[in-house]
C-alpha cells in the first residue's frame, strides 16, 4: 500500500537527517549497498545501464567552468561500464 510505503520512506529519510533512529531493516539495507565494481561482467553483459551523474558545475561570469571535478570524477565509472 502506497501510504505505508511512504511512511516507511519518511522514517528512513528522517533518520538520515538525524531526527530519529533508523529502523533495523533500514540499517541492514544500507549495509548491502553495492558499487559498480561489484557487478560482474556476466551481470552486465547484454544489459543497458543507466548512469545518473550530477554534472552541475560552477561557472564564472564568462560562463566558463571553474571546477570540473564532478565531470572528471564521472569518467572512470563510465569507462569501466563501457569496457564491460
N, C-alpha and C. Protein backbone atom coordinates (compact mmCIF):
# COMPACT_ATOMS: atom_id res chain seq x y z
N UNK A 1 0.85 -1.17 0.00
CA UNK A 1 0.00 0.00 0.00
C UNK A 1 0.90 1.24 0.00
N UNK A 2 0.59 2.18 -0.85
CA UNK A 2 1.45 3.35 -1.07
C UNK A 2 1.65 4.18 0.19
N UNK A 3 0.60 4.35 0.97
CA UNK A 3 0.71 5.19 2.18
C UNK A 3 1.67 4.56 3.19
N UNK A 4 1.58 3.24 3.37
CA UNK A 4 2.50 2.56 4.29
C UNK A 4 3.94 2.68 3.80
N UNK A 5 4.12 2.53 2.48
CA UNK A 5 5.46 2.64 1.91
C UNK A 5 6.03 4.04 2.13
N UNK A 6 5.22 5.07 1.89
CA UNK A 6 5.69 6.45 2.07
C UNK A 6 6.02 6.73 3.53
N UNK A 7 5.24 6.17 4.45
CA UNK A 7 5.53 6.36 5.88
C UNK A 7 6.88 5.73 6.22
N UNK A 8 7.17 4.57 5.64
CA UNK A 8 8.44 3.90 5.86
C UNK A 8 9.59 4.74 5.29
N UNK A 9 9.39 5.30 4.09
CA UNK A 9 10.40 6.15 3.46
C UNK A 9 10.65 7.39 4.32
N UNK A 10 9.59 7.98 4.85
CA UNK A 10 9.74 9.16 5.71
C UNK A 10 10.58 8.85 6.95
N UNK A 11 10.37 7.68 7.56
CA UNK A 11 11.14 7.30 8.75
C UNK A 11 12.62 7.18 8.42
N UNK A 12 12.93 6.54 7.30
CA UNK A 12 14.33 6.36 6.91
C UNK A 12 14.95 7.71 6.57
N UNK A 13 14.23 8.55 5.83
CA UNK A 13 14.75 9.87 5.47
C UNK A 13 15.01 10.71 6.71
N UNK A 14 14.10 10.64 7.67
CA UNK A 14 14.28 11.40 8.91
C UNK A 14 15.51 10.91 9.67
N UNK A 15 15.75 9.60 9.62
CA UNK A 15 16.93 9.05 10.31
C UNK A 15 18.21 9.58 9.68
N UNK A 16 18.24 9.71 8.35
CA UNK A 16 19.41 10.26 7.69
C UNK A 16 19.63 11.72 8.06
N UNK A 17 18.56 12.41 8.37
CA UNK A 17 18.65 13.82 8.75
C UNK A 17 18.94 13.97 10.24
N UNK A 18 19.09 12.87 10.96
CA UNK A 18 19.40 12.91 12.38
C UNK A 18 18.21 13.20 13.27
N UNK A 19 17.00 13.07 12.76
CA UNK A 19 15.82 13.39 13.55
C UNK A 19 15.43 12.26 14.48
N UNK A 20 15.60 11.02 14.05
CA UNK A 20 15.29 9.87 14.90
C UNK A 20 16.06 8.67 14.38
N UNK A 21 16.06 7.60 15.15
CA UNK A 21 16.83 6.41 14.79
C UNK A 21 16.22 5.71 13.58
N UNK A 22 17.08 5.15 12.76
CA UNK A 22 16.63 4.39 11.60
C UNK A 22 16.09 3.04 12.06
N UNK A 23 15.03 2.56 11.44
CA UNK A 23 14.53 1.23 11.78
C UNK A 23 15.58 0.17 11.48
N UNK A 24 15.52 -0.97 12.15
CA UNK A 24 16.52 -2.03 11.97
C UNK A 24 16.66 -2.44 10.51
N UNK A 25 15.55 -2.61 9.81
CA UNK A 25 15.63 -3.06 8.42
C UNK A 25 16.33 -2.04 7.55
N UNK A 26 16.20 -0.77 7.84
CA UNK A 26 16.86 0.26 7.04
C UNK A 26 18.37 0.17 7.21
N UNK A 27 18.83 -0.10 8.43
CA UNK A 27 20.26 -0.22 8.67
C UNK A 27 20.83 -1.39 7.88
N UNK A 28 20.12 -2.50 7.82
CA UNK A 28 20.60 -3.65 7.07
C UNK A 28 20.64 -3.33 5.58
N UNK A 29 19.66 -2.59 5.09
CA UNK A 29 19.62 -2.24 3.68
C UNK A 29 20.79 -1.32 3.32
N UNK A 30 21.16 -0.42 4.22
CA UNK A 30 22.27 0.48 3.95
C UNK A 30 23.58 -0.29 3.84
N UNK A 31 23.75 -1.35 4.60
CA UNK A 31 24.98 -2.13 4.57
C UNK A 31 25.10 -2.94 3.28
N UNK A 32 24.00 -3.22 2.62
CA UNK A 32 24.01 -4.06 1.43
C UNK A 32 24.28 -3.27 0.16
N UNK A 33 24.56 -1.99 0.26
CA UNK A 33 24.79 -1.16 -0.92
C UNK A 33 26.00 -1.65 -1.70
N UNK A 34 25.84 -1.74 -3.01
CA UNK A 34 26.93 -2.22 -3.87
C UNK A 34 27.48 -1.06 -4.69
N UNK A 35 28.70 -1.24 -5.18
CA UNK A 35 29.26 -0.27 -6.10
C UNK A 35 29.26 -0.88 -7.50
N UNK A 36 29.57 -0.09 -8.48
CA UNK A 36 29.59 -0.56 -9.86
C UNK A 36 30.60 -1.70 -10.03
N UNK A 37 31.71 -1.63 -9.33
CA UNK A 37 32.74 -2.65 -9.45
C UNK A 37 32.32 -3.99 -8.86
N UNK A 38 31.25 -4.01 -8.06
CA UNK A 38 30.73 -5.26 -7.51
C UNK A 38 29.96 -6.08 -8.55
N UNK A 39 29.60 -5.45 -9.66
CA UNK A 39 28.86 -6.14 -10.72
C UNK A 39 29.82 -6.92 -11.60
N UNK A 40 29.53 -8.18 -11.82
CA UNK A 40 30.41 -9.00 -12.66
C UNK A 40 30.12 -8.72 -14.13
N UNK A 41 31.04 -9.14 -14.96
CA UNK A 41 30.87 -8.95 -16.40
C UNK A 41 29.63 -9.71 -16.88
N UNK A 42 29.37 -10.88 -16.29
CA UNK A 42 28.20 -11.68 -16.66
C UNK A 42 26.90 -10.94 -16.31
N UNK A 43 26.90 -10.23 -15.18
CA UNK A 43 25.70 -9.48 -14.78
C UNK A 43 25.44 -8.29 -15.71
N UNK A 44 26.49 -7.75 -16.32
CA UNK A 44 26.36 -6.58 -17.18
C UNK A 44 26.20 -6.92 -18.66
N UNK A 45 26.65 -8.10 -19.06
CA UNK A 45 26.67 -8.47 -20.48
C UNK A 45 25.26 -8.41 -21.08
N UNK A 46 25.15 -7.66 -22.19
CA UNK A 46 23.88 -7.55 -22.90
C UNK A 46 22.85 -6.65 -22.24
N UNK A 47 23.25 -5.96 -21.19
CA UNK A 47 22.32 -5.10 -20.46
C UNK A 47 22.54 -3.64 -20.83
N UNK A 48 21.48 -2.87 -20.71
CA UNK A 48 21.58 -1.43 -20.84
C UNK A 48 21.71 -0.85 -19.44
N UNK A 49 22.67 0.04 -19.26
CA UNK A 49 22.92 0.61 -17.93
C UNK A 49 22.58 2.10 -17.97
N UNK A 50 21.84 2.54 -16.98
CA UNK A 50 21.50 3.95 -16.83
C UNK A 50 22.38 4.52 -15.72
N UNK A 51 23.12 5.55 -16.05
CA UNK A 51 24.00 6.20 -15.07
C UNK A 51 23.47 7.60 -14.82
N UNK A 52 23.30 7.93 -13.55
CA UNK A 52 22.88 9.29 -13.20
C UNK A 52 24.10 10.01 -12.65
N UNK A 53 24.50 11.06 -13.32
CA UNK A 53 25.64 11.86 -12.88
C UNK A 53 25.18 13.29 -12.65
N UNK A 54 25.55 13.84 -11.52
CA UNK A 54 25.26 15.24 -11.25
C UNK A 54 26.40 16.05 -11.85
N UNK A 55 26.16 16.62 -13.01
CA UNK A 55 27.20 17.35 -13.71
C UNK A 55 27.02 18.86 -13.62
N UNK A 56 26.24 19.31 -12.64
CA UNK A 56 26.14 20.75 -12.43
C UNK A 56 27.49 21.24 -11.93
N UNK A 57 28.03 22.22 -12.60
CA UNK A 57 29.35 22.73 -12.25
C UNK A 57 29.29 24.24 -12.07
N UNK A 58 30.16 24.79 -11.24
CA UNK A 58 30.18 26.23 -11.07
C UNK A 58 30.74 26.94 -12.30
N UNK A 59 30.13 28.04 -12.62
CA UNK A 59 30.57 28.85 -13.76
C UNK A 59 30.95 30.25 -13.28
N UNK A 60 31.89 30.87 -13.99
CA UNK A 60 32.23 32.26 -13.66
C UNK A 60 31.34 33.20 -14.48
N UNK A 61 31.61 34.47 -14.42
CA UNK A 61 30.79 35.47 -15.12
C UNK A 61 30.83 35.30 -16.64
N UNK A 62 31.92 34.71 -17.15
CA UNK A 62 32.04 34.48 -18.60
C UNK A 62 31.48 33.12 -19.01
N UNK A 63 30.78 32.45 -18.08
CA UNK A 63 30.19 31.12 -18.30
C UNK A 63 31.23 30.05 -18.59
N UNK A 64 32.41 30.20 -17.99
CA UNK A 64 33.45 29.18 -18.09
C UNK A 64 33.41 28.32 -16.83
N UNK A 65 33.64 27.03 -16.99
CA UNK A 65 33.64 26.11 -15.85
C UNK A 65 34.82 26.44 -14.94
N UNK A 66 34.53 26.62 -13.66
CA UNK A 66 35.60 26.95 -12.71
C UNK A 66 36.07 25.73 -11.91
N UNK A 67 35.27 24.68 -11.87
CA UNK A 67 35.66 23.46 -11.17
C UNK A 67 35.03 22.28 -11.90
N UNK A 68 35.86 21.47 -12.54
CA UNK A 68 35.35 20.36 -13.35
C UNK A 68 35.41 19.02 -12.62
N UNK A 69 35.54 19.04 -11.30
CA UNK A 69 35.69 17.82 -10.51
C UNK A 69 34.56 16.83 -10.76
N UNK A 70 33.33 17.29 -10.77
CA UNK A 70 32.19 16.39 -10.96
C UNK A 70 32.24 15.70 -12.31
N UNK A 71 32.69 16.41 -13.32
CA UNK A 71 32.77 15.82 -14.66
C UNK A 71 33.89 14.78 -14.70
N UNK A 72 35.08 15.16 -14.26
CA UNK A 72 36.23 14.25 -14.34
C UNK A 72 36.07 13.03 -13.42
N UNK A 73 35.37 13.18 -12.29
CA UNK A 73 35.19 12.03 -11.40
C UNK A 73 34.18 11.03 -11.94
N UNK A 74 33.36 11.42 -12.89
CA UNK A 74 32.39 10.50 -13.50
C UNK A 74 33.03 9.62 -14.58
N UNK A 75 34.11 10.08 -15.15
CA UNK A 75 34.74 9.40 -16.30
C UNK A 75 35.16 7.96 -15.98
N UNK A 76 35.83 7.67 -14.85
CA UNK A 76 36.24 6.28 -14.60
C UNK A 76 35.06 5.30 -14.54
N UNK A 77 33.96 5.69 -13.95
CA UNK A 77 32.79 4.81 -13.87
C UNK A 77 32.23 4.56 -15.27
N UNK A 78 32.14 5.60 -16.05
CA UNK A 78 31.61 5.46 -17.42
C UNK A 78 32.52 4.57 -18.25
N UNK A 79 33.83 4.78 -18.15
CA UNK A 79 34.79 3.94 -18.89
C UNK A 79 34.70 2.48 -18.43
N UNK A 80 34.62 2.26 -17.13
CA UNK A 80 34.55 0.91 -16.57
C UNK A 80 33.34 0.17 -17.16
N UNK A 81 32.19 0.83 -17.17
CA UNK A 81 30.98 0.18 -17.68
C UNK A 81 31.04 -0.03 -19.19
N UNK A 82 31.64 0.89 -19.91
CA UNK A 82 31.76 0.73 -21.37
C UNK A 82 32.65 -0.45 -21.73
N UNK A 83 33.66 -0.70 -20.91
CA UNK A 83 34.57 -1.82 -21.15
C UNK A 83 33.94 -3.17 -20.86
N UNK A 84 32.89 -3.19 -20.08
CA UNK A 84 32.21 -4.45 -19.74
C UNK A 84 31.19 -4.76 -20.79
